[in-house]
Amino acid sequence: MTPTEAYVRDLADRMGLRDWTLRVDLTEPDAPDRRDEQRWGASAHPLPGRKYAIITLGTSVSEADPDEQRQTIVHELVHLHFGALVDQLRNDLDDFIPPAAFGVFDASATRNLEYGVDALAVVIAEHMPLPPG
């Protein structure tokens, strides 16, 4: 296990994700094209119906200062607590809402969830250890 993998595992355990299996990829995350042209530095992809997720950390994370690294990793781990909700929104509603309306709904719900996830991550990160190094 690499130091980064061990650090992510430690944070996950501290955040109540002990029963999750995590894979850490140190590559640039896939990200959808955005109107603001911003790219994601990290991502969390939980597999539907399982407590398994891929945490992807790009070079902007590894090159960031320790506080920002911790904040970003905690942010991605907070997402796992909402994985079932996101799965429900994306898979249970799309058959009942016209495609254009669903696209707006999905983008809006995702954006608003990001605000909440980030606010929680800020509070939680203060209580977590900094990355090794």
C-alpha atoms as a PDB file:
ATOM      1  CA  MET A   1       0.000   0.000   0.000  1.00  0.00           C
ATOM      2  CA  THR A   2       1.402   3.401  -0.970  1.00  0.00           C
ATOM      3  CA  PRO A   3       1.534   6.247   1.566  1.00  0.00           C
ATOM      4  CA  THR A   4      -1.315   7.976  -0.303  1.00  0.00           C
ATOM      5  CA  GLU A   5      -3.463   4.836  -0.246  1.00  0.00           C
ATOM      6  CA  ALA A   6      -2.760   4.376   3.469  1.00  0.00           C
ATOM      7  CA  TYR A   7      -3.664   8.006   4.138  1.00  0.00           C
ATOM      8  CA  VAL A   8      -6.947   7.772   2.207  1.00  0.00           C
ATOM      9  CA  ARG A   9      -7.770   4.529   4.038  1.00  0.00           C
ATOM     10  CA  ASP A  10      -7.036   6.154   7.415  1.00  0.00           C
ATOM     11  CA  LEU A  11      -9.273   9.134   6.659  1.00  0.00           C
ATOM     12  CA  ALA A  12     -12.044   6.854   5.379  1.00  0.00           C
ATOM     13  CA  ASP A  13     -11.911   4.795   8.565  1.00  0.00           C
ATOM     14  CA  ARG A  14     -12.086   7.942  10.697  1.00  0.00           C
ATOM     15  CA  MET A  15     -15.082   9.168   8.645  1.00  0.00           C
ATOM     16  CA  GLY A  16     -17.214   6.068   9.208  1.00  0.00           C
ATOM     17  CA  LEU A  17     -16.333   4.340   5.933  1.00  0.00           C
ATOM     18  CA  ARG A  18     -14.584   1.310   7.448  1.00  0.00           C
ATOM     19  CA  ASP A  19     -16.827  -1.082   5.559  1.00  0.00           C
ATOM     20  CA  TRP A  20     -15.952   0.445   2.176  1.00  0.00           C
ATOM     21  CA  THR A  21     -13.324  -0.959  -0.165  1.00  0.00           C
ATOM     22  CA  LEU A  22     -11.420   1.861  -1.821  1.00  0.00           C
ATOM     23  CA  ARG A  23      -9.165   1.935  -4.841  1.00  0.00           C
ATOM     24  CA  VAL A  24      -6.970   5.014  -5.155  1.00  0.00           C
ATOM     25  CA  ASP A  25      -5.916   6.027  -8.660  1.00  0.00           C
ATOM     26  CA  LEU A  26      -3.250   8.700  -9.041  1.00  0.00           C
ATOM     27  CA  THR A  27      -4.308   9.891 -12.473  1.00  0.00           C
ATOM     28  CA  GLU A  28      -6.227  12.828 -13.849  1.00  0.00           C
ATOM     29  CA  PRO A  29      -9.932  12.258 -13.203  1.00  0.00           C
ATOM     30  CA  ASP A  30     -12.430  12.053 -16.018  1.00  0.00           C
ATOM     31  CA  ALA A  31     -14.655  15.080 -15.900  1.00  0.00           C
ATOM     32  CA  PRO A  32     -17.544  16.213 -18.040  1.00  0.00           C
ATOM     33  CA  ASP A  33     -17.200  19.269 -20.219  1.00  0.00           C
ATOM     34  CA  ARG A  34     -18.291  22.237 -18.147  1.00  0.00           C
ATOM     35  CA  ARG A  35     -19.501  25.649 -19.260  1.00  0.00           C
ATOM     36  CA  ASP A  36     -16.977  27.284 -16.918  1.00  0.00           C
ATOM     37  CA  GLU A  37     -14.201  25.081 -18.396  1.00  0.00           C
ATOM     38  CA  GLN A  38     -12.986  24.076 -14.933  1.00  0.00           C
ATOM     39  CA  ARG A  39     -11.478  20.629 -14.559  1.00  0.00           C
ATOM     40  CA  TRP A  40     -11.821  18.374 -11.565  1.00  0.00           C
ATOM     41  CA  GLY A  41      -8.671  17.702  -9.570  1.00  0.00           C
ATOM     42  CA  ALA A  42     -10.168  14.655  -7.881  1.00  0.00           C
ATOM     43  CA  SER A  43     -13.236  12.443  -8.051  1.00  0.00           C
ATOM     44  CA  ALA A  44     -15.029   9.683  -6.173  1.00  0.00           C
ATOM     45  CA  HIS A  45     -16.964   7.021  -8.039  1.00  0.00           C
ATOM     46  CA  PRO A  46     -18.897   4.610  -5.839  1.00  0.00           C
ATOM     47  CA  LEU A  47     -20.211   1.506  -7.580  1.00  0.00           C
ATOM     48  CA  PRO A  48     -24.010   1.359  -7.364  1.00  0.00           C
ATOM     49  CA  GLY A  49     -25.259  -1.127  -4.800  1.00  0.00           C
ATOM     50  CA  ARG A  50     -21.803  -1.784  -3.360  1.00  0.00           C
ATOM     51  CA  LYS A  51     -19.563  -0.225  -0.775  1.00  0.00           C
ATOM     52  CA  TYR A  52     -16.717   0.036  -3.259  1.00  0.00           C
ATOM     53  CA  ALA A  53     -15.371   3.242  -4.714  1.00  0.00           C
ATOM     54  CA  ILE A  54     -12.583   4.535  -6.888  1.00  0.00           C
ATOM     55  CA  ILE A  55     -10.972   7.699  -5.557  1.00  0.00           C
ATOM     56  CA  THR A  56      -9.038   9.481  -8.302  1.00  0.00           C
ATOM     57  CA  LEU A  57      -6.471  12.096  -7.321  1.00  0.00           C
ATOM     58  CA  GLY A  58      -4.887  14.191 -10.058  1.00  0.00           C
ATOM     59  CA  THR A  59      -1.556  15.963 -10.043  1.00  0.00           C
ATOM     60  CA  SER A  60      -3.134  19.189  -8.783  1.00  0.00           C
ATOM     61  CA  VAL A  61      -3.912  17.335  -5.538  1.00  0.00           C
ATOM     62  CA  SER A  62      -0.475  15.799  -5.083  1.00  0.00           C
ATOM     63  CA  GLU A  63       1.150  19.185  -5.799  1.00  0.00           C
ATOM     64  CA  ALA A  64      -1.139  21.094  -3.398  1.00  0.00           C
ATOM     65  CA  ASP A  65      -0.168  22.082   0.136  1.00  0.00           C
ATOM     66  CA  PRO A  66      -1.030  19.543   2.871  1.00  0.00           C
ATOM     67  CA  ASP A  67      -4.157  21.410   4.023  1.00  0.00           C
ATOM     68  CA  GLU A  68      -5.562  21.427   0.482  1.00  0.00           C
ATOM     69  CA  GLN A  69      -4.685  17.748  -0.020  1.00  0.00           C
ATOM     70  CA  ARG A  70      -6.515  16.843   3.190  1.00  0.00           C
ATOM     71  CA  GLN A  71      -9.513  19.003   2.285  1.00  0.00           C
ATOM     72  CA  THR A  72      -9.782  17.478  -1.197  1.00  0.00           C
ATOM     73  CA  ILE A  73      -9.526  13.885  -0.025  1.00  0.00           C
ATOM     74  CA  VAL A  74     -12.056  14.469   2.757  1.00  0.00           C
ATOM     75  CA  HIS A  75     -14.369  16.107   0.182  1.00  0.00           C
ATOM     76  CA  GLU A  76     -14.208  13.030  -2.042  1.00  0.00           C
ATOM     77  CA  LEU A  77     -14.826  10.714   0.901  1.00  0.00           C
ATOM     78  CA  VAL A  78     -17.858  12.741   2.030  1.00  0.00           C
ATOM     79  CA  HIS A  79     -19.318  12.056  -1.425  1.00  0.00           C
ATOM     80  CA  LEU A  80     -19.429   8.346  -0.588  1.00  0.00           C
ATOM     81  CA  HIS A  81     -21.961   8.970   2.162  1.00  0.00           C
ATOM     82  CA  PHE A  82     -24.268  10.424  -0.517  1.00  0.00           C
ATOM     83  CA  GLY A  83     -23.597   7.818  -3.192  1.00  0.00           C
ATOM     84  CA  ALA A  84     -26.959   6.095  -2.794  1.00  0.00           C
ATOM     85  CA  LEU A  85     -28.803   9.415  -3.084  1.00  0.00           C
ATOM     86  CA  VAL A  86     -26.946  10.350  -6.274  1.00  0.00           C
ATOM     87  CA  ASP A  87     -27.612   6.880  -7.675  1.00  0.00           C
ATOM     88  CA  GLN A  88     -31.315   7.315  -6.906  1.00  0.00           C
ATOM     89  CA  LEU A  89     -31.486  10.745  -8.552  1.00  0.00           C
ATOM     90  CA  ARG A  90     -29.693   9.625 -11.696  1.00  0.00           C
ATOM     91  CA  ASN A  91     -31.246   6.193 -12.151  1.00  0.00           C
ATOM     92  CA  ASP A  92     -34.753   6.371 -10.751  1.00  0.00           C
ATOM     93  CA  LEU A  93     -36.007   9.664 -12.157  1.00  0.00           C
ATOM     94  CA  ASP A  94     -34.675   9.843 -15.700  1.00  0.00           C
ATOM     95  CA  ASP A  95     -37.494   7.671 -17.115  1.00  0.00           C
ATOM     96  CA  PHE A  96     -40.131  10.014 -15.675  1.00  0.00           C
ATOM     97  CA  ILE A  97     -38.733  13.414 -16.630  1.00  0.00           C
ATOM     98  CA  PRO A  98     -38.233  14.630 -20.210  1.00  0.00           C
ATOM     99  CA  PRO A  99     -34.524  14.496 -21.180  1.00  0.00           C
ATOM    100  CA  ALA A 100     -33.961  18.271 -21.341  1.00  0.00           C
ATOM    101  CA  ALA A 101     -35.638  18.824 -17.974  1.00  0.00           C
ATOM    102  CA  PHE A 102     -33.737  15.898 -16.464  1.00  0.00           C
ATOM    103  CA  GLY A 103     -30.442  17.384 -17.664  1.00  0.00           C
ATOM    104  CA  VAL A 104     -31.198  20.676 -15.922  1.00  0.00           C
ATOM    105  CA  PHE A 105     -32.380  18.861 -12.787  1.00  0.00           C
ATOM    106  CA  ASP A 106     -29.296  16.630 -12.660  1.00  0.00           C
ATOM    107  CA  ALA A 107     -26.871  19.532 -13.169  1.00  0.00           C
ATOM    108  CA  SER A 108     -28.634  21.642 -10.539  1.00  0.00           C
ATOM    109  CA  ALA A 109     -28.857  18.821  -7.994  1.00  0.00           C
ATOM    110  CA  THR A 110     -25.196  17.951  -8.555  1.00  0.00           C
ATOM    111  CA  ARG A 111     -24.097  21.566  -8.146  1.00  0.00           C
ATOM    112  CA  ASN A 112     -26.099  21.994  -4.945  1.00  0.00           C
ATOM    113  CA  LEU A 113     -24.835  18.703  -3.538  1.00  0.00           C
ATOM    114  CA  GLU A 114     -21.270  19.927  -4.176  1.00  0.00           C
ATOM    115  CA  TYR A 115     -21.890  22.995  -1.990  1.00  0.00           C
ATOM    116  CA  GLY A 116     -23.095  20.801   0.861  1.00  0.00           C
ATOM    117  CA  VAL A 117     -20.346  18.215   0.455  1.00  0.00           C
ATOM    118  CA  ASP A 118     -17.702  20.931   0.437  1.00  0.00           C
ATOM    119  CA  ALA A 119     -19.133  22.646   3.527  1.00  0.00           C
ATOM    120  CA  LEU A 120     -19.071  19.336   5.410  1.00  0.00           C
ATOM    121  CA  ALA A 121     -15.555  18.606   4.169  1.00  0.00           C
ATOM    122  CA  VAL A 122     -14.281  21.935   5.507  1.00  0.00           C
ATOM    123  CA  VAL A 123     -15.606  21.150   8.987  1.00  0.00           C
ATOM    124  CA  ILE A 124     -14.495  17.502   9.000  1.00  0.00           C
ATOM    125  CA  ALA A 125     -11.023  18.151   7.557  1.00  0.00           C
ATOM    126  CA  GLU A 126     -10.086  20.326  10.538  1.00  0.00           C
ATOM    127  CA  HIS A 127     -10.339  17.199  12.727  1.00  0.00           C
ATOM    128  CA  MET A 128      -8.286  14.947  10.442  1.00  0.00           C
ATOM    129  CA  PRO A 129      -4.511  14.471  10.327  1.00  0.00           C
ATOM    130  CA  LEU A 130      -2.491  16.069   7.563  1.00  0.00           C
ATOM    131  CA  PRO A 131      -1.056  13.789   4.896  1.00  0.00           C
ATOM    132  CA  PRO A 132       2.357  12.249   5.537  1.00  0.00           C
ATOM    133  CA  GLY A 133       5.292  13.910   4.078  1.00  0.00           C
END
